[in-house]
């Protein structure tokens, strides 16, 4: 399986998992019980997110990577600057 296929498969799987993972509850107890029930799905979902980010990075051109790094640097500089005010 090539990178694009793997990326598509992970994204599709996370689309299936998203409505299972992100559910609202009236009480924190209900939420905690549900989280325990879907523990494996939560682990899979968040591990998939890490893999998706890595695969998307691998598929980027050098220019896209540089642009993304520059945006991250600007965001970091802005948020660091706001904390000092």
PDB file of N, CA and C in Angstrom:
ATOM      1  N   UNK A   1       0.844  -1.168   0.000  1.00  0.00           N
ATOM      2  CA  UNK A   1       0.000   0.000   0.000  1.00  0.00           C
ATOM      3  C   UNK A   1       0.899   1.244   0.000  1.00  0.00           C
ATOM      4  N   UNK A   2       0.641   2.177  -0.926  1.00  0.00           N
ATOM      5  CA  UNK A   2       1.463   3.375  -0.965  1.00  0.00           C
ATOM      6  C   UNK A   2       0.960   4.403   0.051  1.00  0.00           C
ATOM      7  N   UNK A   3       1.681   5.498   0.170  1.00  0.00           N
ATOM      8  CA  UNK A   3       1.395   6.501   1.192  1.00  0.00           C
ATOM      9  C   UNK A   3       0.008   7.109   1.010  1.00  0.00           C
ATOM     10  N   UNK A   4      -0.354   7.441  -0.220  1.00  0.00           N
ATOM     11  CA  UNK A   4      -1.662   8.056  -0.467  1.00  0.00           C
ATOM     12  C   UNK A   4      -2.799   7.107  -0.102  1.00  0.00           C
ATOM     13  N   UNK A   5      -2.646   5.840  -0.435  1.00  0.00           N
ATOM     14  CA  UNK A   5      -3.678   4.861  -0.099  1.00  0.00           C
ATOM     15  C   UNK A   5      -3.814   4.715   1.413  1.00  0.00           C
ATOM     16  N   UNK A   6      -2.686   4.634   2.092  1.00  0.00           N
ATOM     17  CA  UNK A   6      -2.710   4.499   3.545  1.00  0.00           C
ATOM     18  C   UNK A   6      -3.352   5.727   4.176  1.00  0.00           C
ATOM     19  N   UNK A   7      -2.993   6.904   3.687  1.00  0.00           N
ATOM     20  CA  UNK A   7      -3.561   8.141   4.194  1.00  0.00           C
ATOM     21  C   UNK A   7      -5.074   8.161   4.002  1.00  0.00           C
ATOM     22  N   UNK A   8      -5.527   7.797   2.836  1.00  0.00           N
ATOM     23  CA  UNK A   8      -6.969   7.756   2.554  1.00  0.00           C
ATOM     24  C   UNK A   8      -7.670   6.764   3.472  1.00  0.00           C
ATOM     25  N   UNK A   9      -7.079   5.600   3.659  1.00  0.00           N
ATOM     26  CA  UNK A   9      -7.665   4.579   4.525  1.00  0.00           C
ATOM     27  C   UNK A   9      -7.788   5.089   5.965  1.00  0.00           C
ATOM     28  N   UNK A  10      -6.738   5.734   6.469  1.00  0.00           N
ATOM     29  CA  UNK A  10      -6.773   6.265   7.836  1.00  0.00           C
ATOM     30  C   UNK A  10      -7.815   7.371   7.984  1.00  0.00           C
ATOM     31  N   UNK A  11      -7.878   8.262   7.012  1.00  0.00           N
ATOM     32  CA  UNK A  11      -8.860   9.345   7.069  1.00  0.00           C
ATOM     33  C   UNK A  11     -10.286   8.800   7.021  1.00  0.00           C
ATOM     34  N   UNK A  12     -10.518   7.825   6.162  1.00  0.00           N
ATOM     35  CA  UNK A  12     -11.851   7.212   6.078  1.00  0.00           C
ATOM     36  C   UNK A  12     -12.230   6.540   7.389  1.00  0.00           C
ATOM     37  N   UNK A  13     -11.275   5.839   7.978  1.00  0.00           N
ATOM     38  CA  UNK A  13     -11.533   5.173   9.257  1.00  0.00           C
ATOM     39  C   UNK A  13     -11.842   6.197  10.347  1.00  0.00           C
ATOM     40  N   UNK A  14     -11.114   7.305  10.366  1.00  0.00           N
ATOM     41  CA  UNK A  14     -11.384   8.320  11.373  1.00  0.00           C
ATOM     42  C   UNK A  14     -12.739   8.988  11.172  1.00  0.00           C
ATOM     43  N   UNK A  15     -13.191   9.084   9.916  1.00  0.00           N
ATOM     44  CA  UNK A  15     -14.544   9.596   9.663  1.00  0.00           C
ATOM     45  C   UNK A  15     -15.575   8.668  10.290  1.00  0.00           C
ATOM     46  N   UNK A  16     -15.324   7.361  10.245  1.00  0.00           N
ATOM     47  CA  UNK A  16     -16.225   6.387  10.874  1.00  0.00           C
ATOM     48  C   UNK A  16     -16.175   6.498  12.396  1.00  0.00           C
ATOM     49  N   UNK A  17     -14.976   6.711  12.932  1.00  0.00           N
ATOM     50  CA  UNK A  17     -14.797   6.759  14.383  1.00  0.00           C
ATOM     51  C   UNK A  17     -15.255   8.078  15.006  1.00  0.00           C
ATOM     52  N   UNK A  18     -15.202   9.160  14.255  1.00  0.00           N
ATOM     53  CA  UNK A  18     -15.500  10.485  14.793  1.00  0.00           C
ATOM     54  C   UNK A  18     -16.844  10.550  15.538  1.00  0.00           C
ATOM     55  N   UNK A  19     -17.950  10.084  14.948  1.00  0.00           N
ATOM     56  CA  UNK A  19     -19.218  10.179  15.675  1.00  0.00           C
ATOM     57  C   UNK A  19     -19.284   9.275  16.923  1.00  0.00           C
ATOM     58  N   UNK A  20     -18.434   8.267  16.963  1.00  0.00           N
ATOM     59  CA  UNK A  20     -18.382   7.396  18.137  1.00  0.00           C
ATOM     60  C   UNK A  20     -17.595   8.080  19.255  1.00  0.00           C
ATOM     61  N   UNK A  21     -16.537   8.775  18.894  1.00  0.00           N
ATOM     62  CA  UNK A  21     -15.634   9.393  19.859  1.00  0.00           C
ATOM     63  C   UNK A  21     -16.221  10.677  20.441  1.00  0.00           C
ATOM     64  N   UNK A  22     -16.778  11.515  19.592  1.00  0.00           N
ATOM     65  CA  UNK A  22     -17.223  12.843  20.020  1.00  0.00           C
ATOM     66  C   UNK A  22     -18.732  12.867  20.226  1.00  0.00           C
ATOM     67  N   UNK A  23     -19.122  12.481  21.435  1.00  0.00           N
ATOM     68  CA  UNK A  23     -20.526  12.403  21.819  1.00  0.00           C
ATOM     69  C   UNK A  23     -20.711  13.243  23.079  1.00  0.00           C
ATOM     70  N   UNK A  24     -21.814  13.976  23.167  1.00  0.00           N
ATOM     71  CA  UNK A  24     -22.082  14.793  24.343  1.00  0.00           C
ATOM     72  C   UNK A  24     -22.889  14.030  25.390  1.00  0.00           C
ATOM     73  N   UNK A  25     -22.664  14.382  26.661  1.00  0.00           N
ATOM     74  CA  UNK A  25     -23.367  13.748  27.768  1.00  0.00           C
ATOM     75  C   UNK A  25     -23.791  14.792  28.781  1.00  0.00           C
ATOM     76  N   UNK A  26     -24.809  14.456  29.569  1.00  0.00           N
ATOM     77  CA  UNK A  26     -25.332  15.359  30.588  1.00  0.00           C
ATOM     78  C   UNK A  26     -24.374  15.482  31.776  1.00  0.00           C
ATOM     79  N   UNK A  27     -23.752  14.374  32.166  1.00  0.00           N
ATOM     80  CA  UNK A  27     -22.891  14.400  33.354  1.00  0.00           C
ATOM     81  C   UNK A  27     -21.504  13.871  33.015  1.00  0.00           C
ATOM     82  N   UNK A  28     -20.562  14.245  33.847  1.00  0.00           N
ATOM     83  CA  UNK A  28     -19.203  13.752  33.640  1.00  0.00           C
ATOM     84  C   UNK A  28     -19.125  12.248  33.905  1.00  0.00           C
ATOM     85  N   UNK A  29     -19.994  11.747  34.758  1.00  0.00           N
ATOM     86  CA  UNK A  29     -20.014  10.300  35.029  1.00  0.00           C
ATOM     87  C   UNK A  29     -20.432   9.522  33.785  1.00  0.00           C
ATOM     88  N   UNK A  30     -21.451  10.008  33.097  1.00  0.00           N
ATOM     89  CA  UNK A  30     -21.878   9.365  31.848  1.00  0.00           C
ATOM     90  C   UNK A  30     -20.740   9.392  30.824  1.00  0.00           C
ATOM     91  N   UNK A  31     -20.089  10.528  30.723  1.00  0.00           N
ATOM     92  CA  UNK A  31     -18.976  10.669  29.786  1.00  0.00           C
ATOM     93  C   UNK A  31     -17.862   9.686  30.127  1.00  0.00           C
ATOM     94  N   UNK A  32     -17.493   9.600  31.403  1.00  0.00           N
ATOM     95  CA  UNK A  32     -16.411   8.712  31.820  1.00  0.00           C
ATOM     96  C   UNK A  32     -16.765   7.247  31.539  1.00  0.00           C
ATOM     97  N   UNK A  33     -17.980   6.849  31.818  1.00  0.00           N
ATOM     98  CA  UNK A  33     -18.408   5.475  31.528  1.00  0.00           C
ATOM     99  C   UNK A  33     -18.335   5.178  30.036  1.00  0.00           C
ATOM    100  N   UNK A  34     -18.772   6.134  29.217  1.00  0.00           N
ATOM    101  CA  UNK A  34     -18.730   5.953  27.773  1.00  0.00           C
ATOM    102  C   UNK A  34     -17.293   5.876  27.279  1.00  0.00           C
ATOM    103  N   UNK A  35     -16.420   6.735  27.821  1.00  0.00           N
ATOM    104  CA  UNK A  35     -15.008   6.713  27.419  1.00  0.00           C
ATOM    105  C   UNK A  35     -14.371   5.362  27.714  1.00  0.00           C
ATOM    106  N   UNK A  36     -14.717   4.774  28.840  1.00  0.00           N
ATOM    107  CA  UNK A  36     -14.190   3.451  29.176  1.00  0.00           C
ATOM    108  C   UNK A  36     -14.701   2.407  28.176  1.00  0.00           C
ATOM    109  N   UNK A  37     -15.954   2.543  27.813  1.00  0.00           N
ATOM    110  CA  UNK A  37     -16.575   1.596  26.882  1.00  0.00           C
ATOM    111  C   UNK A  37     -15.917   1.641  25.501  1.00  0.00           C
ATOM    112  N   UNK A  38     -15.522   2.830  25.067  1.00  0.00           N
ATOM    113  CA  UNK A  38     -14.961   2.982  23.715  1.00  0.00           C
ATOM    114  C   UNK A  38     -13.452   3.222  23.754  1.00  0.00           C
ATOM    115  N   UNK A  39     -12.796   2.771  24.775  1.00  0.00           N
ATOM    116  CA  UNK A  39     -11.355   3.007  24.938  1.00  0.00           C
ATOM    117  C   UNK A  39     -10.553   2.629  23.688  1.00  0.00           C
ATOM    118  N   UNK A  40     -10.777   1.447  23.163  1.00  0.00           N
ATOM    119  CA  UNK A  40     -10.002   0.985  21.999  1.00  0.00           C
ATOM    120  C   UNK A  40     -10.218   1.875  20.779  1.00  0.00           C
ATOM    121  N   UNK A  41     -11.454   2.306  20.572  1.00  0.00           N
ATOM    122  CA  UNK A  41     -11.743   3.179  19.438  1.00  0.00           C
ATOM    123  C   UNK A  41     -11.062   4.533  19.611  1.00  0.00           C
ATOM    124  N   UNK A  42     -11.042   5.054  20.848  1.00  0.00           N
ATOM    125  CA  UNK A  42     -10.362   6.331  21.112  1.00  0.00           C
ATOM    126  C   UNK A  42      -8.870   6.217  20.827  1.00  0.00           C
ATOM    127  N   UNK A  43      -8.261   5.140  21.296  1.00  0.00           N
ATOM    128  CA  UNK A  43      -6.833   4.936  21.059  1.00  0.00           C
ATOM    129  C   UNK A  43      -6.569   4.872  19.559  1.00  0.00           C
ATOM    130  N   UNK A  44      -7.375   4.103  18.852  1.00  0.00           N
ATOM    131  CA  UNK A  44      -7.198   3.982  17.399  1.00  0.00           C
ATOM    132  C   UNK A  44      -7.345   5.342  16.719  1.00  0.00           C
ATOM    133  N   UNK A  45      -8.365   6.097  17.083  1.00  0.00           N
ATOM    134  CA  UNK A  45      -8.624   7.397  16.467  1.00  0.00           C
ATOM    135  C   UNK A  45      -7.430   8.334  16.621  1.00  0.00           C
ATOM    136  N   UNK A  46      -6.927   8.456  17.844  1.00  0.00           N
ATOM    137  CA  UNK A  46      -5.841   9.404  18.089  1.00  0.00           C
ATOM    138  C   UNK A  46      -4.506   8.917  17.533  1.00  0.00           C
ATOM    139  N   UNK A  47      -4.296   7.619  17.481  1.00  0.00           N
ATOM    140  CA  UNK A  47      -3.105   7.084  16.811  1.00  0.00           C
ATOM    141  C   UNK A  47      -3.189   7.345  15.304  1.00  0.00           C
ATOM    142  N   UNK A  48      -4.383   7.197  14.751  1.00  0.00           N
ATOM    143  CA  UNK A  48      -4.582   7.493  13.328  1.00  0.00           C
ATOM    144  C   UNK A  48      -4.247   8.947  13.027  1.00  0.00           C
ATOM    145  N   UNK A  49      -4.646   9.862  13.918  1.00  0.00           N
ATOM    146  CA  UNK A  49      -4.348  11.272  13.699  1.00  0.00           C
ATOM    147  C   UNK A  49      -2.848  11.511  13.590  1.00  0.00           C
ATOM    148  N   UNK A  50      -2.077  10.854  14.441  1.00  0.00           N
ATOM    149  CA  UNK A  50      -0.617  10.990  14.390  1.00  0.00           C
ATOM    150  C   UNK A  50      -0.073  10.482  13.056  1.00  0.00           C
ATOM    151  N   UNK A  51      -0.572   9.315  12.633  1.00  0.00           N
ATOM    152  CA  UNK A  51      -0.109   8.740  11.369  1.00  0.00           C
ATOM    153  C   UNK A  51      -0.518   9.610  10.184  1.00  0.00           C
ATOM    154  N   UNK A  52      -1.727  10.156  10.237  1.00  0.00           N
ATOM    155  CA  UNK A  52      -2.213  11.025   9.162  1.00  0.00           C
ATOM    156  C   UNK A  52      -1.304  12.238   9.026  1.00  0.00           C
ATOM    157  N   UNK A  53      -0.954  12.849  10.144  1.00  0.00           N
ATOM    158  CA  UNK A  53      -0.075  14.020  10.112  1.00  0.00           C
ATOM    159  C   UNK A  53       1.282  13.666   9.503  1.00  0.00           C
ATOM    160  N   UNK A  54       1.829  12.528   9.894  1.00  0.00           N
ATOM    161  CA  UNK A  54       3.121  12.091   9.364  1.00  0.00           C
ATOM    162  C   UNK A  54       3.043  11.829   7.863  1.00  0.00           C
ATOM    163  N   UNK A  55       2.011  11.138   7.434  1.00  0.00           N
ATOM    164  CA  UNK A  55       1.867  10.817   6.015  1.00  0.00           C
ATOM    165  C   UNK A  55       1.632  12.077   5.178  1.00  0.00           C
ATOM    166  N   UNK A  56       0.816  12.999   5.708  1.00  0.00           N
ATOM    167  CA  UNK A  56       0.591  14.247   4.977  1.00  0.00           C
ATOM    168  C   UNK A  56       1.906  15.018   4.822  1.00  0.00           C
ATOM    169  N   UNK A  57       2.730  14.998   5.857  1.00  0.00           N
ATOM    170  CA  UNK A  57       4.033  15.673   5.790  1.00  0.00           C
ATOM    171  C   UNK A  57       4.900  15.033   4.700  1.00  0.00           C
ATOM    172  N   UNK A  58       4.902  13.701   4.661  1.00  0.00           N
ATOM    173  CA  UNK A  58       5.705  12.993   3.661  1.00  0.00           C
ATOM    174  C   UNK A  58       5.272  13.325   2.235  1.00  0.00           C
ATOM    175  N   UNK A  59       4.000  13.589   2.058  1.00  0.00           N
ATOM    176  CA  UNK A  59       3.481  13.872   0.722  1.00  0.00           C
ATOM    177  C   UNK A  59       3.664  15.334   0.298  1.00  0.00           C
ATOM    178  N   UNK A  60       4.019  16.194   1.232  1.00  0.00           N
ATOM    179  CA  UNK A  60       4.201  17.610   0.906  1.00  0.00           C
ATOM    180  C   UNK A  60       5.469  17.826   0.092  1.00  0.00           C
ATOM    181  N   UNK A  61       5.395  18.845  -0.748  1.00  0.00           N
ATOM    182  CA  UNK A  61       6.586  19.278  -1.469  1.00  0.00           C
ATOM    183  C   UNK A  61       7.466  20.059  -0.491  1.00  0.00           C
ATOM    184  N   UNK A  62       8.735  20.257  -0.823  1.00  0.00           N
ATOM    185  CA  UNK A  62       9.596  21.072   0.051  1.00  0.00           C
ATOM    186  C   UNK A  62       9.025  22.483   0.283  1.00  0.00           C
ATOM    187  N   UNK A  63       8.406  23.055  -0.734  1.00  0.00           N
ATOM    188  CA  UNK A  63       7.822  24.387  -0.598  1.00  0.00           C
ATOM    189  C   UNK A  63       6.657  24.381   0.378  1.00  0.00           C
ATOM    190  N   UNK A  64       5.811  23.342   0.296  1.00  0.00           N
ATOM    191  CA  UNK A  64       4.683  23.227   1.221  1.00  0.00           C
ATOM    192  C   UNK A  64       5.170  23.043   2.655  1.00  0.00           C
ATOM    193  N   UNK A  65       6.203  22.243   2.815  1.00  0.00           N
ATOM    194  CA  UNK A  65       6.766  22.028   4.151  1.00  0.00           C
ATOM    195  C   UNK A  65       7.293  23.336   4.726  1.00  0.00           C
ATOM    196  N   UNK A  66       8.024  24.086   3.914  1.00  0.00           N
ATOM    197  CA  UNK A  66       8.580  25.354   4.375  1.00  0.00           C
ATOM    198  C   UNK A  66       7.478  26.330   4.748  1.00  0.00           C
ATOM    199  N   UNK A  67       6.428  26.377   3.940  1.00  0.00           N
ATOM    200  CA  UNK A  67       5.298  27.263   4.210  1.00  0.00           C
ATOM    201  C   UNK A  67       4.632  26.883   5.537  1.00  0.00           C
ATOM    202  N   UNK A  68       4.444  25.580   5.755  1.00  0.00           N
ATOM    203  CA  UNK A  68       3.822  25.123   6.997  1.00  0.00           C
ATOM    204  C   UNK A  68       4.708  25.440   8.205  1.00  0.00           C
ATOM    205  N   UNK A  69       6.004  25.246   8.065  1.00  0.00           N
ATOM    206  CA  UNK A  69       6.933  25.568   9.152  1.00  0.00           C
ATOM    207  C   UNK A  69       6.925  27.070   9.451  1.00  0.00           C
ATOM    208  N   UNK A  70       6.868  27.883   8.405  1.00  0.00           N
ATOM    209  CA  UNK A  70       6.839  29.329   8.588  1.00  0.00           C
ATOM    210  C   UNK A  70       5.567  29.757   9.324  1.00  0.00           C
ATOM    211  N   UNK A  71       4.446  29.190   8.966  1.00  0.00           N
ATOM    212  CA  UNK A  71       3.189  29.499   9.649  1.00  0.00           C
ATOM    213  C   UNK A  71       3.281  29.100  11.118  1.00  0.00           C
ATOM    214  N   UNK A  72       3.834  27.920  11.382  1.00  0.00           N
ATOM    215  CA  UNK A  72       3.990  27.458  12.763  1.00  0.00           C
ATOM    216  C   UNK A  72       4.894  28.401  13.549  1.00  0.00           C
ATOM    217  N   UNK A  73       5.981  28.878  12.928  1.00  0.00           N
ATOM    218  CA  UNK A  73       6.884  29.823  13.600  1.00  0.00           C
ATOM    219  C   UNK A  73       6.162  31.132  13.921  1.00  0.00           C
ATOM    220  N   UNK A  74       5.353  31.626  12.975  1.00  0.00           N
ATOM    221  CA  UNK A  74       4.623  32.877  13.199  1.00  0.00           C
ATOM    222  C   UNK A  74       3.606  32.717  14.323  1.00  0.00           C
ATOM    223  N   UNK A  75       2.915  31.586  14.340  1.00  0.00           N
ATOM    224  CA  UNK A  75       1.932  31.341  15.400  1.00  0.00           C
ATOM    225  C   UNK A  75       2.623  31.270  16.750  1.00  0.00           C
ATOM    226  N   UNK A  76       3.737  30.563  16.787  1.00  0.00           N
ATOM    227  CA  UNK A  76       4.482  30.437  18.042  1.00  0.00           C
ATOM    228  C   UNK A  76       4.973  31.796  18.518  1.00  0.00           C
ATOM    229  N   UNK A  77       5.498  32.596  17.603  1.00  0.00           N
ATOM    230  CA  UNK A  77       5.988  33.927  17.963  1.00  0.00           C
ATOM    231  C   UNK A  77       4.846  34.808  18.466  1.00  0.00           C
ATOM    232  N   UNK A  78       3.705  34.725  17.808  1.00  0.00           N
ATOM    233  CA  UNK A  78       2.558  35.546  18.204  1.00  0.00           C
ATOM    234  C   UNK A  78       2.040  35.133  19.570  1.00  0.00           C
ATOM    235  N   UNK A  79       1.905  33.823  19.803  1.00  0.00           N
ATOM    236  CA  UNK A  79       1.392  33.368  21.095  1.00  0.00           C
ATOM    237  C   UNK A  79       2.395  33.634  22.202  1.00  0.00           C
ATOM    238  N   UNK A  80       3.669  33.524  21.916  1.00  0.00           N
ATOM    239  CA  UNK A  80       4.701  33.832  22.917  1.00  0.00           C
ATOM    240  C   UNK A  80       4.688  35.322  23.240  1.00  0.00           C
ATOM    241  N   UNK A  81       4.475  36.138  22.234  1.00  0.00           N
ATOM    242  CA  UNK A  81       4.420  37.584  22.424  1.00  0.00           C
ATOM    243  C   UNK A  81       3.210  38.005  23.235  1.00  0.00           C
ATOM    244  N   UNK A  82       2.073  37.329  23.047  1.00  0.00           N
ATOM    245  CA  UNK A  82       0.856  37.660  23.781  1.00  0.00           C
ATOM    246  C   UNK A  82       0.976  37.307  25.259  1.00  0.00           C
ATOM    247  N   UNK A  83       1.772  36.334  25.596  1.00  0.00           N
ATOM    248  CA  UNK A  83       1.904  35.924  26.988  1.00  0.00           C
ATOM    249  C   UNK A  83       2.704  36.953  27.772  1.00  0.00           C
ATOM    250  N   UNK A  84       3.536  37.728  27.104  1.00  0.00           N
ATOM    251  CA  UNK A  84       4.378  38.699  27.789  1.00  0.00           C
ATOM    252  C   UNK A  84       3.680  40.036  27.983  1.00  0.00           C
ATOM    253  N   UNK A  85       2.508  40.224  27.426  1.00  0.00           N
ATOM    254  CA  UNK A  85       1.809  41.520  27.519  1.00  0.00           C
ATOM    255  C   UNK A  85       1.052  41.638  28.811  1.00  0.00           C
TER     256      UNK A  85
END
